[in-house]
Amino acid sequence: MLKIIGRRTSGNVMKPLWLADELGLEYEQEDVGGAFGGNDQPEYLAMNPMGLVPTINDDGFIMWESNAITRYLAAKYGKGKLYPDDPHARATADTWMDWKLNAINPVMRPIFWGLVRTKPEDRNMDEISAGIQQGIKFWGMLDTHLKGRNYIAGDELTMGDIPVGPQAFRWFELVEDRPFMPNLEAWYQRLTERPAYRKNCMNPLE
């Protein structure tokens, strides 16, 4: 059976959990990292030398790095669904998965850490505001891309949506003063209507 190791509140752990539930996979989840600890222990580091979450154990196959895990699970269990058969759709999904790492992660980190994990009196509001301004720019790129599309790679949900979805929840929850982006908001609304997304990605921010 698939085992997903990592605390549910981690945006990176949300990816394999959401994907597994979309595909109806049986899996076991173990809370590790954050307040649960354990990710600095030799047993865990033997599986994941980075000491981060998630790590998966798929019937003895150990793997880490959340986007790589997303691709692997989609290819093994969701070929033709979350892992598109069409090479153009697959390449589009791949592109936006990497974009999320290079564009969205750097701007969401100061927003999330500043507003959620930092006491109000210790917040660097200049850093948070700069993150929001950059976020408007980058989320605007996805808004433009989504024109005429239901999801990132076309009409159906694919692996391309999985890494971006948890960060979209944080963006919409934390940033109230943001420009209207109709395509992005329609896409996000579609995500919120999916039970697997609501279960795994729309949790209290902590």
Foldseek 3Di string as FASTA:
>chain_A
DKEKEAALLDLLSLLVQLVCVVLVHDYHYHHDDDPNHPLPDPVNCVLPVVSDDIWMQDVNDIDDDRLVVLQVCCVVRPDCAQQNPDPQLNVQLVVLVVCCVVQVVVLLVLLQCQPPVDDPVPHDVVSNVVSVVSVLVSVLVQLVCQVVALDRSHPHHHSSVRSVLLSLLVCVVRDDPHDDRPSSVNNNVVQCVDVSCCVRRNDDND
